[in-house]
Amino acid sequence: MRKSKVPSKEIVGNVNKYESYREAWSRIKLAQENHFFLEAITIQESIISDRLISFLSRPESSNPLYKKRNGQFPSFYEIIEHWRSEFSDVIQSGSYPDLIEAVNQWRKTRNEAIHAIVKSDPGEPTQPINLFLQKAKEVAQEGEKLAREVSKWCKKEETRKVSPNVSGLTSA
């Protein structure tokens, strides 16, 4: 069931991508409002990965990101590491003193949140559901901020000519 509304204005450019993002952001909002935090987290990772894959795959990159032999793009971790290799300097963006590290830390907490509902050491109880939900909520809230910041950063960088290994500087 579609969660986003049909746009009232004509869309210029990649209409399908635009529609997908409208739907994704609508679902993130509804998922968080209805306490479906794992759905929100999953969509947030999809947005972050999509924006980074698009940015890191650009032809002018000194080391473009490519699909693996199996036809799949690298894992979320590998995408982040590729991003880090393109920018030797820290990327300050929005309220994040190091955007790449913030995304990497969120990746780790995302993994914990996704597995925490039933995963525990053998013979040990799982964490209480209320604690699980609170942690998942926090991860979803941070993931929304990061998805927006990564999207904003990629858009800003795509409008500039970026020299690899020198973040924030334009080439002449």
N, C-alpha and C. Protein backbone atom coordinates (compact mmCIF):
# COMPACT_ATOMS: atom_id res chain seq x y z
N MET A 1 0.84 -1.18 0.00
CA MET A 1 0.00 0.00 0.00
C MET A 1 0.89 1.24 0.00
N ARG A 2 0.59 2.13 -0.91
CA ARG A 2 1.37 3.36 -1.03
C ARG A 2 1.12 4.25 0.18
N LYS A 3 2.19 4.78 0.74
CA LYS A 3 2.10 5.65 1.91
C LYS A 3 2.24 7.13 1.55
N SER A 4 2.92 7.42 0.42
CA SER A 4 3.11 8.81 0.01
C SER A 4 1.96 9.24 -0.89
N LYS A 5 1.78 10.55 -0.99
CA LYS A 5 0.74 11.11 -1.85
C LYS A 5 1.33 11.34 -3.23
N VAL A 6 0.47 11.28 -4.22
CA VAL A 6 0.89 11.58 -5.58
C VAL A 6 1.24 13.07 -5.63
N PRO A 7 2.41 13.43 -6.19
CA PRO A 7 2.80 14.84 -6.22
C PRO A 7 1.83 15.67 -7.06
N SER A 8 1.60 16.89 -6.61
CA SER A 8 0.67 17.77 -7.31
C SER A 8 1.36 18.55 -8.42
N LYS A 9 2.69 18.56 -8.44
CA LYS A 9 3.41 19.28 -9.49
C LYS A 9 4.14 18.28 -10.38
N GLU A 10 4.47 18.72 -11.59
CA GLU A 10 5.20 17.88 -12.52
C GLU A 10 6.64 17.71 -12.04
N ILE A 11 7.13 16.50 -12.12
CA ILE A 11 8.49 16.18 -11.68
C ILE A 11 9.42 16.22 -12.88
N VAL A 12 10.54 16.90 -12.73
CA VAL A 12 11.54 16.97 -13.78
C VAL A 12 12.70 16.07 -13.38
N GLY A 13 13.19 15.28 -14.30
CA GLY A 13 14.32 14.40 -13.99
C GLY A 13 13.86 12.97 -13.79
N ASN A 14 14.53 12.27 -12.90
CA ASN A 14 14.27 10.85 -12.66
C ASN A 14 13.01 10.71 -11.79
N VAL A 15 11.88 10.59 -12.45
CA VAL A 15 10.59 10.52 -11.76
C VAL A 15 10.52 9.31 -10.84
N ASN A 16 10.98 8.16 -11.29
CA ASN A 16 10.91 6.95 -10.46
C ASN A 16 11.73 7.11 -9.19
N LYS A 17 12.93 7.69 -9.29
CA LYS A 17 13.76 7.89 -8.10
C LYS A 17 13.07 8.85 -7.13
N TYR A 18 12.52 9.92 -7.68
CA TYR A 18 11.80 10.90 -6.86
C TYR A 18 10.64 10.23 -6.12
N GLU A 19 9.85 9.45 -6.86
CA GLU A 19 8.72 8.75 -6.24
C GLU A 19 9.18 7.76 -5.17
N SER A 20 10.28 7.07 -5.44
CA SER A 20 10.81 6.11 -4.47
C SER A 20 11.22 6.81 -3.18
N TYR A 21 11.87 7.95 -3.31
CA TYR A 21 12.30 8.69 -2.12
C TYR A 21 11.12 9.27 -1.36
N ARG A 22 10.12 9.77 -2.07
CA ARG A 22 8.90 10.25 -1.39
C ARG A 22 8.27 9.13 -0.56
N GLU A 23 8.20 7.96 -1.18
CA GLU A 23 7.62 6.80 -0.49
C GLU A 23 8.49 6.40 0.70
N ALA A 24 9.79 6.38 0.51
CA ALA A 24 10.70 5.99 1.58
C ALA A 24 10.56 6.93 2.79
N TRP A 25 10.58 8.23 2.54
CA TRP A 25 10.48 9.18 3.66
C TRP A 25 9.11 9.10 4.33
N SER A 26 8.05 8.87 3.56
CA SER A 26 6.72 8.69 4.16
C SER A 26 6.69 7.46 5.05
N ARG A 27 7.30 6.39 4.57
CA ARG A 27 7.32 5.15 5.36
C ARG A 27 8.18 5.29 6.62
N ILE A 28 9.27 6.02 6.53
CA ILE A 28 10.10 6.26 7.72
C ILE A 28 9.27 6.98 8.77
N LYS A 29 8.57 8.03 8.35
CA LYS A 29 7.76 8.81 9.28
C LYS A 29 6.67 7.95 9.91
N LEU A 30 5.92 7.23 9.09
CA LEU A 30 4.85 6.38 9.60
C LEU A 30 5.38 5.25 10.48
N ALA A 31 6.49 4.67 10.08
CA ALA A 31 7.07 3.57 10.86
C ALA A 31 7.44 4.06 12.26
N GLN A 32 8.06 5.22 12.34
CA GLN A 32 8.45 5.73 13.66
C GLN A 32 7.22 6.12 14.48
N GLU A 33 6.23 6.73 13.84
CA GLU A 33 5.01 7.10 14.56
C GLU A 33 4.31 5.88 15.13
N ASN A 34 4.41 4.75 14.41
CA ASN A 34 3.72 3.53 14.83
C ASN A 34 4.63 2.53 15.53
N HIS A 35 5.82 2.96 15.90
CA HIS A 35 6.79 2.17 16.65
C HIS A 35 7.31 0.96 15.87
N PHE A 36 7.33 1.06 14.54
CA PHE A 36 7.95 0.04 13.70
C PHE A 36 9.36 0.51 13.36
N PHE A 37 10.20 0.55 14.39
CA PHE A 37 11.52 1.16 14.26
C PHE A 37 12.44 0.38 13.34
N LEU A 38 12.30 -0.93 13.30
CA LEU A 38 13.17 -1.71 12.42
C LEU A 38 12.89 -1.41 10.95
N GLU A 39 11.64 -1.16 10.61
CA GLU A 39 11.33 -0.77 9.23
C GLU A 39 11.98 0.58 8.92
N ALA A 40 11.87 1.52 9.84
CA ALA A 40 12.50 2.84 9.63
C ALA A 40 14.00 2.69 9.45
N ILE A 41 14.64 1.90 10.30
CA ILE A 41 16.09 1.70 10.24
C ILE A 41 16.49 1.08 8.91
N THR A 42 15.74 0.12 8.46
CA THR A 42 16.05 -0.55 7.19
C THR A 42 15.96 0.42 6.02
N ILE A 43 14.94 1.24 5.99
CA ILE A 43 14.79 2.22 4.91
C ILE A 43 15.88 3.28 5.00
N GLN A 44 16.23 3.69 6.20
CA GLN A 44 17.30 4.68 6.37
C GLN A 44 18.62 4.15 5.82
N GLU A 45 18.92 2.90 6.10
CA GLU A 45 20.15 2.31 5.55
C GLU A 45 20.08 2.28 4.03
N SER A 46 18.93 1.98 3.49
CA SER A 46 18.76 1.96 2.04
C SER A 46 19.04 3.33 1.44
N ILE A 47 18.54 4.38 2.07
CA ILE A 47 18.77 5.74 1.58
C ILE A 47 20.25 6.09 1.66
N ILE A 48 20.86 5.85 2.80
CA ILE A 48 22.29 6.18 2.96
C ILE A 48 23.12 5.40 1.94
N SER A 49 22.88 4.12 1.81
CA SER A 49 23.62 3.30 0.84
C SER A 49 23.41 3.80 -0.58
N ASP A 50 22.18 4.08 -0.94
CA ASP A 50 21.88 4.55 -2.29
C ASP A 50 22.60 5.85 -2.61
N ARG A 51 22.56 6.79 -1.69
CA ARG A 51 23.22 8.08 -1.93
C ARG A 51 24.72 7.90 -2.05
N LEU A 52 25.31 7.08 -1.17
CA LEU A 52 26.76 6.87 -1.23
C LEU A 52 27.17 6.09 -2.47
N ILE A 53 26.41 5.07 -2.84
CA ILE A 53 26.73 4.32 -4.06
C ILE A 53 26.68 5.25 -5.27
N SER A 54 25.66 6.07 -5.34
CA SER A 54 25.53 7.01 -6.45
C SER A 54 26.73 7.96 -6.49
N PHE A 55 27.09 8.50 -5.34
CA PHE A 55 28.20 9.45 -5.28
C PHE A 55 29.54 8.76 -5.56
N LEU A 56 29.77 7.63 -4.95
CA LEU A 56 31.07 6.96 -5.08
C LEU A 56 31.25 6.28 -6.44
N SER A 57 30.18 6.09 -7.18
CA SER A 57 30.25 5.45 -8.49
C SER A 57 30.45 6.45 -9.63
N ARG A 58 30.53 7.71 -9.30
CA ARG A 58 30.64 8.71 -10.35
C ARG A 58 31.92 8.50 -11.15
N PRO A 59 31.84 8.70 -12.45
CA PRO A 59 32.99 8.43 -13.33
C PRO A 59 34.23 9.27 -13.01
N GLU A 60 34.05 10.48 -12.53
CA GLU A 60 35.20 11.35 -12.26
C GLU A 60 35.95 10.98 -10.97
N SER A 61 35.44 10.03 -10.24
CA SER A 61 36.14 9.56 -9.04
C SER A 61 37.46 8.91 -9.44
N SER A 62 38.47 9.11 -8.60
CA SER A 62 39.76 8.47 -8.88
C SER A 62 39.69 6.96 -8.68
N ASN A 63 38.71 6.50 -7.92
CA ASN A 63 38.55 5.08 -7.65
C ASN A 63 37.05 4.78 -7.53
N PRO A 64 36.33 4.78 -8.67
CA PRO A 64 34.87 4.58 -8.59
C PRO A 64 34.49 3.25 -7.95
N LEU A 65 33.38 3.27 -7.26
CA LEU A 65 32.82 2.07 -6.65
C LEU A 65 32.13 1.24 -7.73
N TYR A 66 32.42 -0.03 -7.76
CA TYR A 66 31.83 -0.94 -8.75
C TYR A 66 31.11 -2.07 -8.04
N LYS A 67 30.23 -2.71 -8.80
CA LYS A 67 29.58 -3.92 -8.30
C LYS A 67 30.63 -5.03 -8.21
N LYS A 68 30.35 -5.98 -7.34
CA LYS A 68 31.23 -7.14 -7.21
C LYS A 68 30.95 -8.12 -8.35
N ARG A 69 31.74 -9.16 -8.43
CA ARG A 69 31.56 -10.17 -9.49
C ARG A 69 30.19 -10.81 -9.47
N ASN A 70 29.58 -10.88 -8.30
CA ASN A 70 28.25 -11.49 -8.20
C ASN A 70 27.13 -10.52 -8.61
N GLY A 71 27.52 -9.32 -9.06
CA GLY A 71 26.53 -8.34 -9.52
C GLY A 71 25.98 -7.46 -8.43
N GLN A 72 26.42 -7.67 -7.20
CA GLN A 72 25.95 -6.88 -6.06
C GLN A 72 26.95 -5.77 -5.73
N PHE A 73 26.43 -4.67 -5.20
CA PHE A 73 27.33 -3.64 -4.69
C PHE A 73 27.93 -4.13 -3.38
N PRO A 74 29.04 -3.55 -2.96
CA PRO A 74 29.65 -3.95 -1.69
C PRO A 74 28.69 -3.77 -0.51
N SER A 75 29.04 -4.39 0.61
CA SER A 75 28.24 -4.29 1.84
C SER A 75 28.24 -2.84 2.34
N PHE A 76 27.35 -2.55 3.25
CA PHE A 76 27.27 -1.23 3.85
C PHE A 76 28.62 -0.84 4.45
N TYR A 77 29.25 -1.76 5.15
CA TYR A 77 30.57 -1.52 5.73
C TYR A 77 31.59 -1.17 4.63
N GLU A 78 31.59 -1.94 3.56
CA GLU A 78 32.55 -1.71 2.47
C GLU A 78 32.29 -0.38 1.76
N ILE A 79 31.03 0.00 1.64
CA ILE A 79 30.69 1.30 1.05
C ILE A 79 31.26 2.41 1.92
N ILE A 80 31.08 2.30 3.22
CA ILE A 80 31.60 3.32 4.14
C ILE A 80 33.12 3.38 4.06
N GLU A 81 33.77 2.24 4.01
CA GLU A 81 35.24 2.22 3.91
C GLU A 81 35.71 2.82 2.59
N HIS A 82 34.99 2.59 1.52
CA HIS A 82 35.33 3.18 0.22
C HIS A 82 35.19 4.70 0.30
N TRP A 83 34.12 5.16 0.94
CA TRP A 83 33.90 6.60 1.15
C TRP A 83 35.07 7.19 1.92
N ARG A 84 35.47 6.51 2.97
CA ARG A 84 36.59 6.97 3.80
C ARG A 84 37.89 7.04 2.97
N SER A 85 38.07 6.09 2.05
CA SER A 85 39.30 6.09 1.24
C SER A 85 39.31 7.24 0.24
N GLU A 86 38.15 7.72 -0.15
CA GLU A 86 38.07 8.85 -1.09
C GLU A 86 38.37 10.18 -0.41
N PHE A 87 38.15 10.25 0.89
CA PHE A 87 38.31 11.51 1.61
C PHE A 87 39.21 11.28 2.82
N SER A 88 40.47 11.67 2.68
CA SER A 88 41.43 11.44 3.76
C SER A 88 41.17 12.40 4.93
N ASP A 89 40.57 13.55 4.65
CA ASP A 89 40.25 14.49 5.72
C ASP A 89 38.89 14.15 6.31
N VAL A 90 38.66 14.61 7.51
CA VAL A 90 37.38 14.43 8.17
C VAL A 90 36.33 15.27 7.42
N ILE A 91 35.16 14.72 7.24
CA ILE A 91 34.06 15.44 6.60
C ILE A 91 33.16 15.99 7.70
N GLN A 92 33.22 17.29 7.89
CA GLN A 92 32.32 17.94 8.83
C GLN A 92 31.06 18.34 8.08
N SER A 93 29.91 17.94 8.59
CA SER A 93 28.66 18.23 7.91
C SER A 93 27.55 18.35 8.93
N GLY A 94 26.82 19.45 8.86
CA GLY A 94 25.74 19.67 9.81
C GLY A 94 26.27 19.64 11.23
N SER A 95 25.63 18.88 12.08
CA SER A 95 26.06 18.77 13.48
C SER A 95 27.09 17.67 13.68
N TYR A 96 27.57 17.07 12.59
CA TYR A 96 28.50 15.96 12.68
C TYR A 96 29.93 16.41 12.43
N PRO A 97 30.79 16.30 13.45
CA PRO A 97 32.20 16.67 13.24
C PRO A 97 32.92 15.70 12.31
N ASP A 98 32.42 14.46 12.19
CA ASP A 98 32.99 13.47 11.28
C ASP A 98 31.84 12.62 10.76
N LEU A 99 31.30 13.01 9.61
CA LEU A 99 30.11 12.36 9.07
C LEU A 99 30.36 10.90 8.74
N ILE A 100 31.52 10.59 8.20
CA ILE A 100 31.81 9.20 7.86
C ILE A 100 31.81 8.33 9.11
N GLU A 101 32.47 8.80 10.15
CA GLU A 101 32.52 8.02 11.39
C GLU A 101 31.14 7.92 12.03
N ALA A 102 30.34 8.98 11.94
CA ALA A 102 28.98 8.93 12.49
C ALA A 102 28.14 7.86 11.78
N VAL A 103 28.28 7.78 10.46
CA VAL A 103 27.56 6.75 9.70
C VAL A 103 28.06 5.37 10.09
N ASN A 104 29.37 5.22 10.24
CA ASN A 104 29.93 3.93 10.61
C ASN A 104 29.47 3.50 12.02
N GLN A 105 29.45 4.42 12.95
CA GLN A 105 28.96 4.10 14.30
C GLN A 105 27.48 3.73 14.27
N TRP A 106 26.70 4.44 13.45
CA TRP A 106 25.29 4.13 13.32
C TRP A 106 25.10 2.73 12.72
N ARG A 107 25.96 2.38 11.76
CA ARG A 107 25.92 1.04 11.16
C ARG A 107 26.03 -0.02 12.25
N LYS A 108 26.93 0.20 13.18
CA LYS A 108 27.12 -0.77 14.27
C LYS A 108 25.88 -0.83 15.18
N THR A 109 25.35 0.32 15.56
CA THR A 109 24.17 0.32 16.43
C THR A 109 22.94 -0.22 15.69
N ARG A 110 22.90 0.01 14.37
CA ARG A 110 21.82 -0.54 13.54
C ARG A 110 21.87 -2.06 13.59
N ASN A 111 23.07 -2.64 13.46
CA ASN A 111 23.20 -4.09 13.54
C ASN A 111 22.70 -4.60 14.89
N GLU A 112 23.10 -3.94 15.95
CA GLU A 112 22.67 -4.35 17.29
C GLU A 112 21.16 -4.26 17.42
N ALA A 113 20.57 -3.17 16.93
CA ALA A 113 19.12 -2.98 17.05
C ALA A 113 18.36 -4.04 16.27
N ILE A 114 18.81 -4.33 15.07
CA ILE A 114 18.10 -5.29 14.22
C ILE A 114 18.12 -6.69 14.82
N HIS A 115 19.23 -7.07 15.43
CA HIS A 115 19.35 -8.42 15.97
C HIS A 115 18.87 -8.55 17.41
N ALA A 116 18.71 -7.45 18.11
CA ALA A 116 18.45 -7.50 19.55
C ALA A 116 17.09 -8.06 19.95
N ILE A 117 16.13 -8.09 19.06
CA ILE A 117 14.79 -8.52 19.48
C ILE A 117 14.79 -9.98 19.96
N VAL A 118 15.57 -10.84 19.33
CA VAL A 118 15.57 -12.24 19.75
C VAL A 118 16.96 -12.80 20.01
N LYS A 119 17.99 -12.12 19.64
CA LYS A 119 19.34 -12.66 19.77
C LYS A 119 19.85 -12.50 21.20
N SER A 120 20.42 -13.58 21.70
CA SER A 120 21.08 -13.54 23.01
C SER A 120 22.11 -14.66 23.03
N ASP A 121 22.99 -14.60 23.99
CA ASP A 121 23.95 -15.68 24.14
C ASP A 121 23.20 -16.95 24.55
N PRO A 122 23.70 -18.12 24.13
CA PRO A 122 23.03 -19.37 24.50
C PRO A 122 22.81 -19.46 26.01
N GLY A 123 21.60 -19.78 26.39
CA GLY A 123 21.25 -19.93 27.79
C GLY A 123 20.94 -18.63 28.50
N GLU A 124 21.09 -17.51 27.81
CA GLU A 124 20.84 -16.19 28.41
C GLU A 124 19.52 -15.64 27.87
N PRO A 125 18.82 -14.85 28.69
CA PRO A 125 17.57 -14.26 28.20
C PRO A 125 17.86 -13.10 27.23
N THR A 126 16.88 -12.81 26.40
CA THR A 126 16.99 -11.63 25.56
C THR A 126 16.76 -10.40 26.43
N GLN A 127 17.09 -9.24 25.90
CA GLN A 127 16.85 -8.03 26.68
C GLN A 127 15.35 -7.77 26.77
N PRO A 128 14.91 -7.08 27.80
CA PRO A 128 13.47 -6.77 27.93
C PRO A 128 12.97 -6.01 26.70
N ILE A 129 11.76 -6.29 26.28
CA ILE A 129 11.18 -5.68 25.08
C ILE A 129 11.18 -4.16 25.18
N ASN A 130 10.86 -3.60 26.33
CA ASN A 130 10.83 -2.14 26.46
C ASN A 130 12.21 -1.53 26.21
N LEU A 131 13.26 -2.20 26.67
CA LEU A 131 14.63 -1.73 26.43
C LEU A 131 14.96 -1.85 24.95
N PHE A 132 14.59 -2.98 24.34
CA PHE A 132 14.79 -3.17 22.91
C PHE A 132 14.12 -2.05 22.12
N LEU A 133 12.85 -1.76 22.43
CA LEU A 133 12.11 -0.74 21.71
C LEU A 133 12.72 0.65 21.89
N GLN A 134 13.18 0.95 23.09
CA GLN A 134 13.79 2.25 23.34
C GLN A 134 15.08 2.40 22.53
N LYS A 135 15.90 1.37 22.53
CA LYS A 135 17.15 1.42 21.75
C LYS A 135 16.86 1.51 20.26
N ALA A 136 15.90 0.75 19.77
CA ALA A 136 15.54 0.79 18.36
C ALA A 136 15.02 2.17 17.97
N LYS A 137 14.25 2.77 18.86
CA LYS A 137 13.74 4.13 18.62
C LYS A 137 14.89 5.11 18.48
N GLU A 138 15.87 5.03 19.37
CA GLU A 138 17.02 5.93 19.32
C GLU A 138 17.83 5.73 18.03
N VAL A 139 18.00 4.48 17.62
CA VAL A 139 18.74 4.19 16.38
C VAL A 139 17.97 4.75 15.18
N ALA A 140 16.65 4.60 15.19
CA ALA A 140 15.83 5.12 14.09
C ALA A 140 15.88 6.65 14.03
N GLN A 141 15.84 7.29 15.18
CA GLN A 141 15.92 8.75 15.21
C GLN A 141 17.26 9.24 14.66
N GLU A 142 18.33 8.61 15.08
CA GLU A 142 19.66 8.99 14.58
C GLU A 142 19.80 8.64 13.11
N GLY A 143 19.25 7.52 12.69
CA GLY A 143 19.32 7.11 11.29
C GLY A 143 18.61 8.10 10.38
N GLU A 144 17.50 8.64 10.84
CA GLU A 144 16.79 9.65 10.03
C GLU A 144 17.66 10.89 9.86
N LYS A 145 18.28 11.34 10.94
CA LYS A 145 19.17 12.51 10.85
C LYS A 145 20.33 12.24 9.89
N LEU A 146 20.93 11.07 10.02
CA LEU A 146 22.07 10.73 9.17
C LEU A 146 21.67 10.57 7.71
N ALA A 147 20.52 9.96 7.45
CA ALA A 147 20.07 9.80 6.06
C ALA A 147 19.87 11.17 5.42
N ARG A 148 19.30 12.09 6.17
CA ARG A 148 19.10 13.44 5.64
C ARG A 148 20.45 14.14 5.43
N GLU A 149 21.35 13.98 6.37
CA GLU A 149 22.65 14.66 6.27
C GLU A 149 23.50 14.08 5.15
N VAL A 150 23.51 12.77 5.00
CA VAL A 150 24.26 12.14 3.90
C VAL A 150 23.67 12.58 2.56
N SER A 151 22.36 12.59 2.46
CA SER A 151 21.70 13.04 1.22
C SER A 151 22.09 14.47 0.90
N LYS A 152 22.03 15.32 1.90
CA LYS A 152 22.38 16.73 1.72
C LYS A 152 23.85 16.88 1.31
N TRP A 153 24.74 16.14 1.99
CA TRP A 153 26.17 16.23 1.69
C TRP A 153 26.45 15.75 0.26
N CYS A 154 25.86 14.63 -0.13
CA CYS A 154 26.08 14.10 -1.49
C CYS A 154 25.59 15.09 -2.54
N LYS A 155 24.43 15.67 -2.33
CA LYS A 155 23.90 16.64 -3.28
C LYS A 155 24.82 17.84 -3.40
N LYS A 156 25.31 18.32 -2.26
CA LYS A 156 26.23 19.46 -2.26
C LYS A 156 27.52 19.10 -2.99
N GLU A 157 28.05 17.92 -2.73
CA GLU A 157 29.31 17.50 -3.35
C GLU A 157 29.15 17.26 -4.85
N GLU A 158 28.00 16.77 -5.26
CA GLU A 158 27.78 16.51 -6.68
C GLU A 158 27.71 17.79 -7.48
N THR A 159 27.39 18.88 -6.84
CA THR A 159 27.32 20.16 -7.55
C THR A 159 28.68 20.84 -7.64
N ARG A 160 29.66 20.30 -6.94
CA ARG A 160 31.02 20.84 -6.99
C ARG A 160 31.94 19.82 -7.65
N LYS A 161 33.05 20.29 -8.12
CA LYS A 161 34.07 19.37 -8.62
C LYS A 161 34.95 19.05 -7.42
N VAL A 162 34.89 17.81 -6.99
CA VAL A 162 35.61 17.40 -5.79
C VAL A 162 36.88 16.67 -6.18
N SER A 163 37.98 17.08 -5.60
CA SER A 163 39.24 16.37 -5.79
C SER A 163 39.29 15.23 -4.79
N PRO A 164 39.55 14.00 -5.23
CA PRO A 164 39.65 12.88 -4.30
C PRO A 164 40.75 13.15 -3.26
N ASN A 165 40.52 12.63 -2.08
CA ASN A 165 41.44 12.73 -0.94
C ASN A 165 41.60 14.14 -0.40
N VAL A 166 40.75 15.07 -0.82
CA VAL A 166 40.77 16.42 -0.25
C VAL A 166 39.31 16.83 -0.07
N SER A 167 38.73 16.51 1.08
CA SER A 167 37.32 16.80 1.27
C SER A 167 37.10 18.30 1.43
N GLY A 168 35.99 18.73 0.86
CA GLY A 168 35.58 20.11 1.04
C GLY A 168 36.30 21.12 0.15
N LEU A 169 37.27 20.69 -0.65
CA LEU A 169 37.99 21.62 -1.51
C LEU A 169 37.60 21.37 -2.95
N THR A 170 37.47 22.44 -3.72
CA THR A 170 37.15 22.28 -5.13
C THR A 170 38.42 22.35 -5.94
N SER A 171 38.42 21.65 -7.06
CA SER A 171 39.59 21.69 -7.93
C SER A 171 39.40 22.79 -8.97
N ALA A 172 40.48 23.34 -9.44
CA ALA A 172 40.40 24.44 -10.40
C ALA A 172 40.16 23.97 -11.79
